[in-house]
Amino acid sequence: MTHVLSSGDSGFAGNLNIQNSSLDRIVEDYCGITISELAGKDDSEYETGLLWTEMKAAKPTALEKILVEMLHLAYTNGGEL
């Protein structure tokens, strides 16, 4: 299932129209979630949220958070899909 992101979605994903996008289908296949669903999550809902706190690095951008979350989900779902 693919979605169109609304203008209210945050970061880079809010500007993408990913309806029927191959990228969105690939992300869903590997991560178990679409880009729009991921972008619509609150930062506190990300499984990788503690990573940014522990690193004490400069505040990551929305793109960095989404990419790291996608990599994490793809890795952890690897054995299940």
PDB file of N, CA and C in Angstrom:
ATOM      1  N   MET A   1       0.846  -1.178   0.000  1.00  0.00           N
ATOM      2  CA  MET A   1       0.000   0.000   0.000  1.00  0.00           C
ATOM      3  C   MET A   1       0.889   1.238   0.000  1.00  0.00           C
ATOM      4  N   THR A   2       0.635   2.161  -0.879  1.00  0.00           N
ATOM      5  CA  THR A   2       1.427   3.376  -0.931  1.00  0.00           C
ATOM      6  C   THR A   2       0.580   4.563  -0.523  1.00  0.00           C
ATOM      7  N   HIS A   3       1.239   5.635  -0.132  1.00  0.00           N
ATOM      8  CA  HIS A   3       0.555   6.810   0.383  1.00  0.00           C
ATOM      9  C   HIS A   3       1.133   8.066  -0.246  1.00  0.00           C
ATOM     10  N   VAL A   4       0.324   9.104  -0.259  1.00  0.00           N
ATOM     11  CA  VAL A   4       0.808  10.418  -0.644  1.00  0.00           C
ATOM     12  C   VAL A   4       1.026  11.186   0.640  1.00  0.00           C
ATOM     13  N   LEU A   5       2.179  11.804   0.781  1.00  0.00           N
ATOM     14  CA  LEU A   5       2.479  12.562   1.991  1.00  0.00           C
ATOM     15  C   LEU A   5       1.746  13.885   1.956  1.00  0.00           C
ATOM     16  N   SER A   6       1.243  14.285   3.084  1.00  0.00           N
ATOM     17  CA  SER A   6       0.588  15.580   3.169  1.00  0.00           C
ATOM     18  C   SER A   6       1.628  16.666   3.407  1.00  0.00           C
ATOM     19  N   SER A   7       1.218  17.905   3.190  1.00  0.00           N
ATOM     20  CA  SER A   7       2.144  19.016   3.407  1.00  0.00           C
ATOM     21  C   SER A   7       2.484  19.165   4.878  1.00  0.00           C
ATOM     22  N   GLY A   8       1.728  18.521   5.763  1.00  0.00           N
ATOM     23  CA  GLY A   8       1.997  18.604   7.190  1.00  0.00           C
ATOM     24  C   GLY A   8       3.107  17.677   7.655  1.00  0.00           C
ATOM     25  N   ASP A   9       3.488  16.708   6.816  1.00  0.00           N
ATOM     26  CA  ASP A   9       4.567  15.803   7.201  1.00  0.00           C
ATOM     27  C   ASP A   9       5.879  16.562   7.264  1.00  0.00           C
ATOM     28  N   SER A  10       6.735  16.128   8.176  1.00  0.00           N
ATOM     29  CA  SER A  10       7.964  16.878   8.442  1.00  0.00           C
ATOM     30  C   SER A  10       9.121  16.474   7.541  1.00  0.00           C
ATOM     31  N   GLY A  11      10.119  17.333   7.489  1.00  0.00           N
ATOM     32  CA  GLY A  11      11.383  17.045   6.834  1.00  0.00           C
ATOM     33  C   GLY A  11      11.283  16.834   5.346  1.00  0.00           C
ATOM     34  N   PHE A  12      12.283  16.143   4.827  1.00  0.00           N
ATOM     35  CA  PHE A  12      12.372  15.945   3.387  1.00  0.00           C
ATOM     36  C   PHE A  12      11.196  15.142   2.849  1.00  0.00           C
ATOM     37  N   ALA A  13      10.692  14.218   3.630  1.00  0.00           N
ATOM     38  CA  ALA A  13       9.628  13.341   3.149  1.00  0.00           C
ATOM     39  C   ALA A  13       8.336  14.092   2.918  1.00  0.00           C
ATOM     40  N   GLY A  14       8.141  15.186   3.610  1.00  0.00           N
ATOM     41  CA  GLY A  14       6.933  15.972   3.431  1.00  0.00           C
ATOM     42  C   GLY A  14       6.831  16.595   2.057  1.00  0.00           C
ATOM     43  N   ASN A  15       7.937  16.709   1.350  1.00  0.00           N
ATOM     44  CA  ASN A  15       7.946  17.300   0.019  1.00  0.00           C
ATOM     45  C   ASN A  15       7.898  16.262  -1.090  1.00  0.00           C
ATOM     46  N   LEU A  16       7.890  14.993  -0.737  1.00  0.00           N
ATOM     47  CA  LEU A  16       7.899  13.935  -1.739  1.00  0.00           C
ATOM     48  C   LEU A  16       6.486  13.474  -2.056  1.00  0.00           C
ATOM     49  N   ASN A  17       6.234  13.200  -3.298  1.00  0.00           N
ATOM     50  CA  ASN A  17       4.999  12.540  -3.693  1.00  0.00           C
ATOM     51  C   ASN A  17       5.394  11.123  -4.039  1.00  0.00           C
ATOM     52  N   ILE A  18       5.107  10.195  -3.149  1.00  0.00           N
ATOM     53  CA  ILE A  18       5.582   8.831  -3.346  1.00  0.00           C
ATOM     54  C   ILE A  18       4.450   7.867  -3.668  1.00  0.00           C
ATOM     55  N   GLN A  19       3.326   8.396  -4.124  1.00  0.00           N
ATOM     56  CA  GLN A  19       2.225   7.526  -4.507  1.00  0.00           C
ATOM     57  C   GLN A  19       2.689   6.617  -5.628  1.00  0.00           C
ATOM     58  N   ASN A  20       2.486   5.324  -5.459  1.00  0.00           N
ATOM     59  CA  ASN A  20       2.898   4.312  -6.435  1.00  0.00           C
ATOM     60  C   ASN A  20       4.398   4.333  -6.704  1.00  0.00           C
ATOM     61  N   SER A  21       5.158   4.788  -5.773  1.00  0.00           N
ATOM     62  CA  SER A  21       6.606   4.888  -5.938  1.00  0.00           C
ATOM     63  C   SER A  21       7.271   3.537  -5.705  1.00  0.00           C
ATOM     64  N   SER A  22       8.216   3.224  -6.568  1.00  0.00           N
ATOM     65  CA  SER A  22       9.003   2.007  -6.378  1.00  0.00           C
ATOM     66  C   SER A  22       9.796   2.080  -5.085  1.00  0.00           C
ATOM     67  N   LEU A  23      10.321   3.271  -4.772  1.00  0.00           N
ATOM     68  CA  LEU A  23      11.087   3.451  -3.544  1.00  0.00           C
ATOM     69  C   LEU A  23      10.225   3.135  -2.323  1.00  0.00           C
ATOM     70  N   ASP A  24       8.997   3.611  -2.309  1.00  0.00           N
ATOM     71  CA  ASP A  24       8.119   3.359  -1.166  1.00  0.00           C
ATOM     72  C   ASP A  24       7.833   1.867  -1.025  1.00  0.00           C
ATOM     73  N   ARG A  25       7.648   1.170  -2.129  1.00  0.00           N
ATOM     74  CA  ARG A  25       7.398  -0.279  -2.076  1.00  0.00           C
ATOM     75  C   ARG A  25       8.635  -1.029  -1.590  1.00  0.00           C
ATOM     76  N   ILE A  26       9.802  -0.594  -2.024  1.00  0.00           N
ATOM     77  CA  ILE A  26      11.047  -1.236  -1.576  1.00  0.00           C
ATOM     78  C   ILE A  26      11.231  -1.034  -0.078  1.00  0.00           C
ATOM     79  N   VAL A  27      11.032   0.197   0.397  1.00  0.00           N
ATOM     80  CA  VAL A  27      11.167   0.489   1.823  1.00  0.00           C
ATOM     81  C   VAL A  27      10.179  -0.354   2.619  1.00  0.00           C
ATOM     82  N   GLU A  28       8.947  -0.453   2.138  1.00  0.00           N
ATOM     83  CA  GLU A  28       7.949  -1.254   2.855  1.00  0.00           C
ATOM     84  C   GLU A  28       8.342  -2.730   2.868  1.00  0.00           C
ATOM     85  N   ASP A  29       8.861  -3.238   1.759  1.00  0.00           N
ATOM     86  CA  ASP A  29       9.291  -4.639   1.706  1.00  0.00           C
ATOM     87  C   ASP A  29      10.414  -4.928   2.697  1.00  0.00           C
ATOM     88  N   TYR A  30      11.385  -4.033   2.782  1.00  0.00           N
ATOM     89  CA  TYR A  30      12.539  -4.261   3.643  1.00  0.00           C
ATOM     90  C   TYR A  30      12.323  -3.829   5.088  1.00  0.00           C
ATOM     91  N   CYS A  31      11.535  -2.780   5.294  1.00  0.00           N
ATOM     92  CA  CYS A  31      11.400  -2.208   6.635  1.00  0.00           C
ATOM     93  C   CYS A  31      10.070  -2.538   7.312  1.00  0.00           C
ATOM     94  N   GLY A  32       9.092  -2.981   6.536  1.00  0.00           N
ATOM     95  CA  GLY A  32       7.787  -3.270   7.107  1.00  0.00           C
ATOM     96  C   GLY A  32       6.955  -2.020   7.341  1.00  0.00           C
ATOM     97  N   ILE A  33       7.380  -0.898   6.801  1.00  0.00           N
ATOM     98  CA  ILE A  33       6.680   0.374   6.975  1.00  0.00           C
ATOM     99  C   ILE A  33       6.997   1.247   5.754  1.00  0.00           C
ATOM    100  N   THR A  34       6.037   2.076   5.356  1.00  0.00           N
ATOM    101  CA  THR A  34       6.283   2.948   4.207  1.00  0.00           C
ATOM    102  C   THR A  34       7.004   4.209   4.656  1.00  0.00           C
ATOM    103  N   ILE A  35       7.539   4.939   3.696  1.00  0.00           N
ATOM    104  CA  ILE A  35       8.235   6.186   4.013  1.00  0.00           C
ATOM    105  C   ILE A  35       7.275   7.174   4.657  1.00  0.00           C
ATOM    106  N   SER A  36       6.054   7.260   4.133  1.00  0.00           N
ATOM    107  CA  SER A  36       5.104   8.218   4.695  1.00  0.00           C
ATOM    108  C   SER A  36       4.710   7.851   6.122  1.00  0.00           C
ATOM    109  N   GLU A  37       4.559   6.571   6.404  1.00  0.00           N
ATOM    110  CA  GLU A  37       4.252   6.151   7.771  1.00  0.00           C
ATOM    111  C   GLU A  37       5.420   6.469   8.695  1.00  0.00           C
ATOM    112  N   LEU A  38       6.606   6.226   8.218  1.00  0.00           N
ATOM    113  CA  LEU A  38       7.803   6.501   9.005  1.00  0.00           C
ATOM    114  C   LEU A  38       7.955   7.999   9.256  1.00  0.00           C
ATOM    115  N   ALA A  39       7.754   8.801   8.217  1.00  0.00           N
ATOM    116  CA  ALA A  39       7.878  10.251   8.355  1.00  0.00           C
ATOM    117  C   ALA A  39       6.794  10.818   9.261  1.00  0.00           C
ATOM    118  N   GLY A  40       5.653  10.141   9.333  1.00  0.00           N
ATOM    119  CA  GLY A  40       4.558  10.608  10.172  1.00  0.00           C
ATOM    120  C   GLY A  40       4.714  10.254  11.642  1.00  0.00           C
ATOM    121  N   LYS A  41       5.689   9.407  11.949  1.00  0.00           N
ATOM    122  CA  LYS A  41       5.924   9.031  13.345  1.00  0.00           C
ATOM    123  C   LYS A  41       6.554  10.197  14.108  1.00  0.00           C
ATOM    124  N   ASP A  42       6.258  10.253  15.368  1.00  0.00           N
ATOM    125  CA  ASP A  42       6.930  11.200  16.253  1.00  0.00           C
ATOM    126  C   ASP A  42       8.332  10.667  16.530  1.00  0.00           C
ATOM    127  N   ASP A  43       9.287  11.563  16.713  1.00  0.00           N
ATOM    128  CA  ASP A  43      10.665  11.142  16.981  1.00  0.00           C
ATOM    129  C   ASP A  43      10.762  10.158  18.136  1.00  0.00           C
ATOM    130  N   SER A  44       9.909  10.301  19.127  1.00  0.00           N
ATOM    131  CA  SER A  44       9.960   9.427  20.301  1.00  0.00           C
ATOM    132  C   SER A  44       9.504   8.005  19.967  1.00  0.00           C
ATOM    133  N   GLU A  45       8.871   7.812  18.829  1.00  0.00           N
ATOM    134  CA  GLU A  45       8.408   6.490  18.422  1.00  0.00           C
ATOM    135  C   GLU A  45       9.460   5.714  17.627  1.00  0.00           C
ATOM    136  N   TYR A  46      10.542   6.366  17.251  1.00  0.00           N
ATOM    137  CA  TYR A  46      11.593   5.694  16.497  1.00  0.00           C
ATOM    138  C   TYR A  46      12.338   4.730  17.413  1.00  0.00           C
ATOM    139  N   GLU A  47      12.601   3.542  16.910  1.00  0.00           N
ATOM    140  CA  GLU A  47      13.374   2.566  17.679  1.00  0.00           C
ATOM    141  C   GLU A  47      14.809   3.033  17.890  1.00  0.00           C
ATOM    142  N   THR A  48      15.285   3.882  17.021  1.00  0.00           N
ATOM    143  CA  THR A  48      16.664   4.360  17.097  1.00  0.00           C
ATOM    144  C   THR A  48      16.788   5.689  17.834  1.00  0.00           C
ATOM    145  N   GLY A  49      15.741   6.128  18.492  1.00  0.00           N
ATOM    146  CA  GLY A  49      15.750   7.419  19.168  1.00  0.00           C
ATOM    147  C   GLY A  49      16.856   7.583  20.193  1.00  0.00           C
ATOM    148  N   LEU A  50      17.145   6.521  20.938  1.00  0.00           N
ATOM    149  CA  LEU A  50      18.187   6.601  21.966  1.00  0.00           C
ATOM    150  C   LEU A  50      19.579   6.767  21.371  1.00  0.00           C
ATOM    151  N   LEU A  51      19.752   6.322  20.157  1.00  0.00           N
ATOM    152  CA  LEU A  51      21.043   6.460  19.491  1.00  0.00           C
ATOM    153  C   LEU A  51      21.498   7.906  19.486  1.00  0.00           C
ATOM    154  N   TRP A  52      20.598   8.808  19.144  1.00  0.00           N
ATOM    155  CA  TRP A  52      20.946  10.218  19.042  1.00  0.00           C
ATOM    156  C   TRP A  52      21.244  10.819  20.408  1.00  0.00           C
ATOM    157  N   THR A  53      20.557  10.357  21.432  1.00  0.00           N
ATOM    158  CA  THR A  53      20.798  10.856  22.778  1.00  0.00           C
ATOM    159  C   THR A  53      22.147  10.380  23.294  1.00  0.00           C
ATOM    160  N   GLU A  54      22.445   9.107  23.065  1.00  0.00           N
ATOM    161  CA  GLU A  54      23.697   8.532  23.540  1.00  0.00           C
ATOM    162  C   GLU A  54      24.909   9.114  22.830  1.00  0.00           C
ATOM    163  N   MET A  55      24.754   9.466  21.568  1.00  0.00           N
ATOM    164  CA  MET A  55      25.885  10.003  20.808  1.00  0.00           C
ATOM    165  C   MET A  55      26.226  11.424  21.236  1.00  0.00           C
ATOM    166  N   LYS A  56      25.282  12.113  21.794  1.00  0.00           N
ATOM    167  CA  LYS A  56      25.458  13.506  22.202  1.00  0.00           C
ATOM    168  C   LYS A  56      26.032  14.329  21.050  1.00  0.00           C
ATOM    169  N   ALA A  57      25.613  13.968  19.863  1.00  0.00           N
ATOM    170  CA  ALA A  57      26.069  14.678  18.658  1.00  0.00           C
ATOM    171  C   ALA A  57      25.149  15.861  18.402  1.00  0.00           C
ATOM    172  N   ALA A  58      25.514  16.625  17.414  1.00  0.00           N
ATOM    173  CA  ALA A  58      24.652  17.723  16.999  1.00  0.00           C
ATOM    174  C   ALA A  58      23.283  17.151  16.628  1.00  0.00           C
ATOM    175  N   LYS A  59      22.262  17.938  16.763  1.00  0.00           N
ATOM    176  CA  LYS A  59      20.912  17.461  16.490  1.00  0.00           C
ATOM    177  C   LYS A  59      20.810  16.989  15.039  1.00  0.00           C
ATOM    178  N   PRO A  60      20.397  15.730  14.838  1.00  0.00           N
ATOM    179  CA  PRO A  60      20.298  15.209  13.483  1.00  0.00           C
ATOM    180  C   PRO A  60      19.115  15.823  12.739  1.00  0.00           C
ATOM    181  N   THR A  61      19.219  15.844  11.439  1.00  0.00           N
ATOM    182  CA  THR A  61      18.121  16.334  10.612  1.00  0.00           C
ATOM    183  C   THR A  61      17.041  15.252  10.516  1.00  0.00           C
ATOM    184  N   ALA A  62      15.877  15.623  10.035  1.00  0.00           N
ATOM    185  CA  ALA A  62      14.794  14.653   9.840  1.00  0.00           C
ATOM    186  C   ALA A  62      15.234  13.565   8.863  1.00  0.00           C
ATOM    187  N   LEU A  63      15.962  13.950   7.824  1.00  0.00           N
ATOM    188  CA  LEU A  63      16.458  12.986   6.847  1.00  0.00           C
ATOM    189  C   LEU A  63      17.377  11.966   7.509  1.00  0.00           C
ATOM    190  N   GLU A  64      18.302  12.419   8.330  1.00  0.00           N
ATOM    191  CA  GLU A  64      19.216  11.505   9.024  1.00  0.00           C
ATOM    192  C   GLU A  64      18.451  10.549   9.923  1.00  0.00           C
ATOM    193  N   LYS A  65      17.486  11.053  10.647  1.00  0.00           N
ATOM    194  CA  LYS A  65      16.688  10.196  11.534  1.00  0.00           C
ATOM    195  C   LYS A  65      15.927   9.131  10.750  1.00  0.00           C
ATOM    196  N   ILE A  66      15.305   9.548   9.644  1.00  0.00           N
ATOM    197  CA  ILE A  66      14.529   8.613   8.835  1.00  0.00           C
ATOM    198  C   ILE A  66      15.441   7.561   8.210  1.00  0.00           C
ATOM    199  N   LEU A  67      16.576   7.972   7.683  1.00  0.00           N
ATOM    200  CA  LEU A  67      17.501   7.021   7.056  1.00  0.00           C
ATOM    201  C   LEU A  67      18.039   5.999   8.052  1.00  0.00           C
ATOM    202  N   VAL A  68      18.426   6.460   9.230  1.00  0.00           N
ATOM    203  CA  VAL A  68      18.938   5.541  10.251  1.00  0.00           C
ATOM    204  C   VAL A  68      17.834   4.589  10.708  1.00  0.00           C
ATOM    205  N   GLU A  69      16.626   5.098  10.870  1.00  0.00           N
ATOM    206  CA  GLU A  69      15.504   4.245  11.265  1.00  0.00           C
ATOM    207  C   GLU A  69      15.224   3.200  10.185  1.00  0.00           C
ATOM    208  N   MET A  70      15.255   3.603   8.917  1.00  0.00           N
ATOM    209  CA  MET A  70      15.026   2.649   7.822  1.00  0.00           C
ATOM    210  C   MET A  70      16.106   1.575   7.808  1.00  0.00           C
ATOM    211  N   LEU A  71      17.357   1.958   7.979  1.00  0.00           N
ATOM    212  CA  LEU A  71      18.444   0.974   8.017  1.00  0.00           C
ATOM    213  C   LEU A  71      18.261   0.001   9.177  1.00  0.00           C
ATOM    214  N   HIS A  72      17.908   0.531  10.331  1.00  0.00           N
ATOM    215  CA  HIS A  72      17.696  -0.311  11.506  1.00  0.00           C
ATOM    216  C   HIS A  72      16.550  -1.293  11.273  1.00  0.00           C
ATOM    217  N   LEU A  73      15.430  -0.795  10.759  1.00  0.00           N
ATOM    218  CA  LEU A  73      14.271  -1.660  10.518  1.00  0.00           C
ATOM    219  C   LEU A  73      14.586  -2.720   9.479  1.00  0.00           C
ATOM    220  N   ALA A  74      15.282  -2.340   8.422  1.00  0.00           N
ATOM    221  CA  ALA A  74      15.645  -3.314   7.388  1.00  0.00           C
ATOM    222  C   ALA A  74      16.541  -4.401   7.959  1.00  0.00           C
ATOM    223  N   TYR A  75      17.482  -4.012   8.797  1.00  0.00           N
ATOM    224  CA  TYR A  75      18.401  -4.979   9.412  1.00  0.00           C
ATOM    225  C   TYR A  75      17.653  -5.915  10.371  1.00  0.00           C
ATOM    226  N   THR A  76      16.833  -5.332  11.251  1.00  0.00           N
ATOM    227  CA  THR A  76      16.144  -6.170  12.239  1.00  0.00           C
ATOM    228  C   THR A  76      15.047  -7.021  11.616  1.00  0.00           C
ATOM    229  N   ASN A  77      14.463  -6.581  10.518  1.00  0.00           N
ATOM    230  CA  ASN A  77      13.429  -7.374   9.843  1.00  0.00           C
ATOM    231  C   ASN A  77      14.012  -8.378   8.869  1.00  0.00           C
ATOM    232  N   GLY A  78      15.316  -8.341   8.658  1.00  0.00           N
ATOM    233  CA  GLY A  78      15.973  -9.195   7.677  1.00  0.00           C
ATOM    234  C   GLY A  78      15.675 -10.665   7.824  1.00  0.00           C
ATOM    235  N   GLY A  79      15.641 -11.157   9.022  1.00  0.00           N
ATOM    236  CA  GLY A  79      15.373 -12.568   9.245  1.00  0.00           C
ATOM    237  C   GLY A  79      13.913 -12.929   9.243  1.00  0.00           C
ATOM    238  N   GLU A  80      13.050 -11.901   9.297  1.00  0.00           N
ATOM    239  CA  GLU A  80      11.616 -12.159   9.402  1.00  0.00           C
ATOM    240  C   GLU A  80      10.880 -12.071   8.082  1.00  0.00           C
ATOM    241  N   LEU A  81      11.447 -11.363   7.114  1.00  0.00           N
ATOM    242  CA  LEU A  81      10.721 -11.145   5.858  1.00  0.00           C
ATOM    243  C   LEU A  81      11.065 -12.175   4.823  1.00  0.00           C
TER     244      LEU A  81
END
